[in-house]
Amino acid sequence: MRTATPNVGQNRRRVSRQCRRRGESDERIESARTMFDPAFLTIGFARRFATYKRADLIFTDLDRLAEIVNNPQRPVQLIYAGKAHPADEPGKELIRKIANLRHDPRFAGRVAFIEDYDINVGRHLVQGVDVWLNNPRRPQEASGTSGEKVVLNGGLNCSVLDGWWAEAYDGRNGFAIGTGTSHVQESISDARDAESLYHVLETELVPMYYERDVDGLPRRWVQMMKNSISSLAWRFSSDRMVMDYCKTAYLPAAGGLSCEMNVR
């Protein structure tokens, strides 16, 4: 749906350079040069790899995910990027886990990890993906501003109901993972949210993207893009987030709600 040819070329070059730097086979390097088909539904995930963000949630059931991404009528590709704090060993392990999926033949050409995450990589991803995936453990999402940038580029959010998405989601401007509830046991919450994510992909998100009219256009998807921009772009941004923090948190905490001087 998205016309992201420059971003596709940029990501192909990055991945092929990664393969060459690691000394991988010529076949794998050549495969990287042709991956990222612009016609495939593209889901992006790029952010700090803190464990509570659950970067690997979609990889909970690899067999089920393989069926989703390799459907010949409705193929899906996943693009990941991000960094972990140098002292965050669990976060770095998540990166290794996802990056190493390139060795699994079920995900060849379907899952890629872009190294050296920076503002430029993030810019290309928010401009080029169809869907922005966000699935942290509730209620640990402070805001979630990366998804707000995707809105301005015509992408849709698929997120747990936390942070700004808990306020923004209305059922017509993107996709929700879960119902906004959490269990006291993280393992149970993770399992429930993984099941909800797979269900959304299989029954809502992927079918809607590939539902085309006689002109080859995904009318319902386009309408959701329009709903997303019209309902979210003017309300949710880093500017509003900073102003809300100032007005409702920082200034009250500092006792600065009035210009009157206290008499002592």
Protein backbone atom coordinates (compact mmCIF):
# COMPACT_ATOMS: atom_id res chain seq x y z
CA MET A 1 0.00 0.00 0.00
CA ARG A 2 2.73 2.45 0.95
CA THR A 3 5.04 3.78 -1.75
CA ALA A 4 8.30 3.38 0.10
CA THR A 5 10.78 2.53 -2.67
CA PRO A 6 13.63 4.77 -1.36
CA ASN A 7 13.25 3.27 2.11
CA VAL A 8 13.25 -0.25 0.66
CA GLY A 9 16.53 0.45 -1.13
CA GLN A 10 18.07 1.95 1.99
CA ASN A 11 17.13 -1.05 4.13
CA ARG A 12 18.32 -3.53 1.50
CA ARG A 13 21.72 -1.86 1.38
CA ARG A 14 22.00 -1.84 5.16
CA VAL A 15 21.12 -5.52 5.53
CA SER A 16 23.42 -6.62 2.70
CA ARG A 17 26.30 -4.67 4.29
CA GLN A 18 25.54 -6.34 7.62
CA CYS A 19 25.75 -9.77 5.96
CA ARG A 20 29.03 -8.92 4.26
CA ARG A 21 30.53 -7.57 7.49
CA ARG A 22 29.63 -10.81 9.28
CA GLY A 23 31.28 -12.85 6.53
CA GLU A 24 28.06 -14.59 5.51
CA SER A 25 27.64 -16.45 2.24
CA ASP A 26 27.29 -14.79 -1.15
CA GLU A 27 23.85 -16.36 -1.40
CA ARG A 28 22.71 -14.66 1.81
CA ILE A 29 24.19 -11.32 0.72
CA GLU A 30 22.38 -11.54 -2.60
CA SER A 31 19.16 -12.49 -0.85
CA ALA A 32 19.44 -9.34 1.29
CA ARG A 33 19.66 -7.23 -1.86
CA THR A 34 16.22 -8.40 -2.99
CA MET A 35 14.30 -8.57 0.30
CA PHE A 36 11.72 -6.03 1.52
CA ASP A 37 9.09 -6.37 -1.20
CA PRO A 38 7.13 -3.05 -1.34
CA ALA A 39 3.94 -4.98 -2.12
CA PHE A 40 4.06 -6.99 1.12
CA LEU A 41 2.41 -5.85 4.33
CA THR A 42 5.28 -4.39 6.35
CA ILE A 43 5.28 -4.25 10.15
CA GLY A 44 7.94 -2.19 11.92
CA PHE A 45 9.33 -2.22 15.47
CA ALA A 46 12.12 0.20 16.38
CA ARG A 47 12.94 1.47 19.87
CA ARG A 48 15.11 0.90 22.92
CA PHE A 49 15.31 -2.82 23.68
CA ALA A 50 14.27 -2.69 27.31
CA THR A 51 12.77 -6.03 28.29
CA TYR A 52 9.42 -4.56 29.39
CA LYS A 53 8.84 -3.49 25.78
CA ARG A 54 8.63 -7.19 24.87
CA ALA A 55 10.27 -6.97 21.44
CA ASP A 56 9.93 -10.74 21.10
CA LEU A 57 6.20 -10.98 21.89
CA ILE A 58 5.28 -11.69 18.26
CA PHE A 59 7.84 -14.53 18.26
CA THR A 60 6.15 -16.40 21.12
CA ASP A 61 4.82 -19.08 18.73
CA LEU A 62 7.21 -19.35 15.78
CA ASP A 63 5.17 -21.97 13.94
CA ARG A 64 2.06 -19.82 14.07
CA LEU A 65 4.00 -16.72 13.01
CA ALA A 66 5.58 -18.62 10.11
CA GLU A 67 2.12 -19.42 8.78
CA ILE A 68 1.17 -15.76 8.99
CA VAL A 69 4.22 -14.29 7.26
CA ASN A 70 4.50 -16.99 4.56
CA ASN A 71 0.89 -17.00 3.40
CA PRO A 72 1.32 -16.84 -0.41
CA GLN A 73 -1.84 -14.74 -0.86
CA ARG A 74 -1.12 -12.43 2.12
CA PRO A 75 2.65 -12.26 2.83
CA VAL A 76 3.98 -10.24 5.75
CA GLN A 77 7.47 -8.91 6.47
CA LEU A 78 8.80 -7.70 9.83
CA ILE A 79 11.54 -5.07 10.17
CA TYR A 80 13.18 -4.59 13.58
CA ALA A 81 15.71 -2.05 14.80
CA GLY A 82 16.88 -0.77 18.16
CA LYS A 83 19.59 -0.77 20.78
CA ALA A 84 19.92 -1.95 24.36
CA HIS A 85 21.82 -0.23 27.13
CA PRO A 86 25.40 -1.59 27.23
CA ALA A 87 24.76 -3.01 30.72
CA ASP A 88 21.37 -4.51 29.81
CA GLU A 89 22.26 -8.12 29.08
CA PRO A 90 18.61 -9.32 28.79
CA GLY A 91 17.95 -6.53 26.29
CA LYS A 92 20.99 -7.49 24.22
CA GLU A 93 19.85 -11.12 24.31
CA LEU A 94 16.51 -10.06 22.78
CA ILE A 95 18.40 -8.42 19.92
CA ARG A 96 20.44 -11.58 19.33
CA LYS A 97 17.30 -13.70 19.41
CA ILE A 98 15.54 -11.65 16.74
CA ALA A 99 18.62 -11.05 14.58
CA ASN A 100 19.42 -14.78 14.55
CA LEU A 101 16.04 -15.60 13.03
CA ARG A 102 17.72 -14.87 9.69
CA HIS A 103 19.19 -18.39 10.02
CA ASP A 104 15.70 -19.94 10.29
CA PRO A 105 14.52 -20.87 6.76
CA ARG A 106 10.91 -20.17 7.79
CA PHE A 107 11.71 -16.48 8.14
CA ALA A 108 14.16 -15.96 5.28
CA GLY A 109 13.19 -12.70 3.62
CA ARG A 110 10.41 -12.18 6.15
CA VAL A 111 12.22 -10.97 9.30
CA ALA A 112 15.12 -8.52 9.31
CA PHE A 113 17.02 -6.68 12.00
CA ILE A 114 18.56 -3.34 11.00
CA GLU A 115 21.76 -2.69 12.93
CA ASP A 116 23.20 0.64 14.13
CA TYR A 117 19.84 2.11 15.07
CA ASP A 118 19.83 5.91 14.98
CA ILE A 119 17.56 8.81 14.03
CA ASN A 120 18.10 8.16 10.32
CA VAL A 121 17.10 4.50 10.59
CA GLY A 122 14.05 5.49 12.64
CA ARG A 123 13.10 8.10 10.04
CA HIS A 124 13.15 5.59 7.21
CA LEU A 125 11.14 3.06 9.19
CA VAL A 126 8.33 5.39 10.27
CA GLN A 127 8.06 6.59 6.68
CA GLY A 128 8.12 3.16 5.11
CA VAL A 129 6.17 0.69 7.24
CA ASP A 130 2.44 0.02 7.01
CA VAL A 131 2.03 -0.87 10.69
CA TRP A 132 3.89 0.19 13.83
CA LEU A 133 4.00 -2.53 16.48
CA ASN A 134 4.06 -1.55 20.15
CA ASN A 135 3.54 -4.14 22.88
CA PRO A 136 5.04 -3.19 26.25
CA ARG A 137 3.80 -4.58 29.54
CA ARG A 138 1.07 -2.45 31.03
CA PRO A 139 1.27 0.00 32.73
CA GLN A 140 4.94 0.74 31.98
CA GLU A 141 4.53 2.77 28.79
CA ALA A 142 5.31 6.39 29.69
CA SER A 143 3.99 7.79 26.42
CA GLY A 144 4.96 5.88 23.26
CA THR A 145 5.76 8.77 20.95
CA SER A 146 7.28 6.66 18.12
CA GLY A 147 3.77 5.61 17.11
CA GLU A 148 2.74 9.25 16.91
CA LYS A 149 5.34 9.85 14.19
CA VAL A 150 3.98 6.93 12.19
CA VAL A 151 0.52 8.55 12.16
CA LEU A 152 1.90 11.60 10.34
CA ASN A 153 3.36 9.30 7.68
CA GLY A 154 0.14 7.39 7.00
CA GLY A 155 1.01 4.26 8.97
CA LEU A 156 -1.31 2.51 11.39
CA ASN A 157 -0.63 1.59 15.01
CA CYS A 158 -1.05 -1.88 16.46
CA SER A 159 -0.50 -1.46 20.16
CA VAL A 160 -1.43 -2.52 23.65
CA LEU A 161 -3.80 -0.11 25.36
CA ASP A 162 -1.18 1.78 27.32
CA GLY A 163 0.49 5.17 27.08
CA TRP A 164 -1.04 7.51 24.52
CA TRP A 165 -2.75 4.65 22.66
CA ALA A 166 -5.04 3.94 25.63
CA GLU A 167 -6.42 7.46 25.14
CA ALA A 168 -6.22 7.57 21.35
CA TYR A 169 -7.63 4.24 20.13
CA ASP A 170 -11.29 4.36 19.08
CA GLY A 171 -11.67 1.12 17.10
CA ARG A 172 -11.50 2.88 13.72
CA ASN A 173 -8.02 4.41 13.71
CA GLY A 174 -5.77 1.39 14.27
CA PHE A 175 -5.57 -1.94 16.08
CA ALA A 176 -5.55 -2.85 19.78
CA ILE A 177 -3.68 -5.73 21.42
CA GLY A 178 -5.59 -6.99 24.44
CA THR A 179 -8.35 -5.25 26.35
CA GLY A 180 -6.30 -3.02 28.62
CA THR A 181 -6.08 -5.47 31.50
CA SER A 182 -3.03 -7.06 33.13
CA HIS A 183 -2.45 -10.06 35.35
CA VAL A 184 -0.31 -9.97 38.47
CA GLN A 185 1.83 -12.73 36.92
CA GLU A 186 3.80 -11.32 33.99
CA SER A 187 3.94 -14.70 32.26
CA ILE A 188 0.14 -14.87 32.11
CA SER A 189 -0.13 -11.30 30.80
CA ASP A 190 2.51 -12.08 28.16
CA ALA A 191 0.69 -15.22 27.02
CA ARG A 192 -2.65 -13.43 26.81
CA ASP A 193 -1.20 -10.49 24.89
CA ALA A 194 0.65 -12.79 22.48
CA GLU A 195 -2.59 -14.65 21.75
CA SER A 196 -4.41 -11.34 21.23
CA LEU A 197 -1.67 -10.12 18.86
CA TYR A 198 -1.87 -13.27 16.74
CA HIS A 199 -5.66 -13.04 16.67
CA VAL A 200 -5.55 -9.42 15.52
CA LEU A 201 -3.05 -10.24 12.78
CA GLU A 202 -4.95 -13.28 11.54
CA THR A 203 -8.52 -11.97 11.68
CA GLU A 204 -8.31 -8.18 11.34
CA LEU A 205 -5.05 -6.56 10.29
CA VAL A 206 -3.66 -8.81 7.56
CA PRO A 207 -7.05 -9.59 5.91
CA MET A 208 -7.96 -5.89 5.82
CA TYR A 209 -4.67 -4.93 4.16
CA TYR A 210 -5.13 -7.48 1.39
CA GLU A 211 -8.85 -6.86 0.89
CA ARG A 212 -8.82 -5.11 -2.50
CA ASP A 213 -11.55 -3.74 -4.75
CA VAL A 214 -11.74 -4.02 -8.55
CA ASP A 215 -9.16 -1.24 -8.83
CA GLY A 216 -6.76 -3.10 -6.57
CA LEU A 217 -7.20 -0.64 -3.68
CA PRO A 218 -7.69 -1.62 -0.02
CA ARG A 219 -10.59 0.75 0.62
CA ARG A 220 -11.14 -0.18 4.28
CA TRP A 221 -7.43 0.13 4.99
CA VAL A 222 -7.28 3.55 3.32
CA GLN A 223 -10.28 4.68 5.35
CA MET A 224 -8.55 3.59 8.55
CA MET A 225 -5.45 5.55 7.49
CA LYS A 226 -7.63 8.62 7.03
CA ASN A 227 -9.33 8.04 10.38
CA SER A 228 -5.93 7.69 12.01
CA ILE A 229 -4.60 10.97 10.63
CA SER A 230 -7.79 12.95 11.24
CA SER A 231 -8.34 11.73 14.82
CA LEU A 232 -4.74 11.53 16.03
CA ALA A 233 -2.35 13.85 14.20
CA TRP A 234 -3.65 17.06 15.77
CA ARG A 235 -4.04 15.65 19.29
CA PHE A 236 -1.01 13.47 19.95
CA SER A 237 2.55 14.72 19.61
CA SER A 238 5.70 15.25 21.66
CA ASP A 239 4.75 18.94 21.93
CA ARG A 240 1.47 18.09 23.66
CA MET A 241 3.20 15.50 25.84
CA VAL A 242 5.71 18.06 27.14
CA MET A 243 2.97 20.64 27.77
CA ASP A 244 0.84 18.10 29.64
CA TYR A 245 3.79 17.07 31.80
CA CYS A 246 4.52 20.73 32.58
CA LYS A 247 0.92 21.70 33.38
CA THR A 248 -0.19 18.61 35.28
CA ALA A 249 3.03 17.33 36.86
CA TYR A 250 6.10 19.57 36.91
CA LEU A 251 4.51 22.92 37.78
CA PRO A 252 2.20 21.54 40.48
CA ALA A 253 5.12 19.63 41.97
CA ALA A 254 7.13 22.85 42.09
CA GLY A 255 4.23 24.82 43.55
CA GLY A 256 4.19 27.10 40.54
CA LEU A 257 0.48 27.27 39.76
CA SER A 258 0.21 30.96 40.62
CA CYS A 259 2.29 34.08 40.11
CA GLU A 260 1.42 35.29 43.60
CA MET A 261 4.29 35.57 46.05
CA ASN A 262 3.88 33.79 49.36
CA VAL A 263 4.14 36.16 52.32
CA ARG A 264 6.38 34.90 55.07
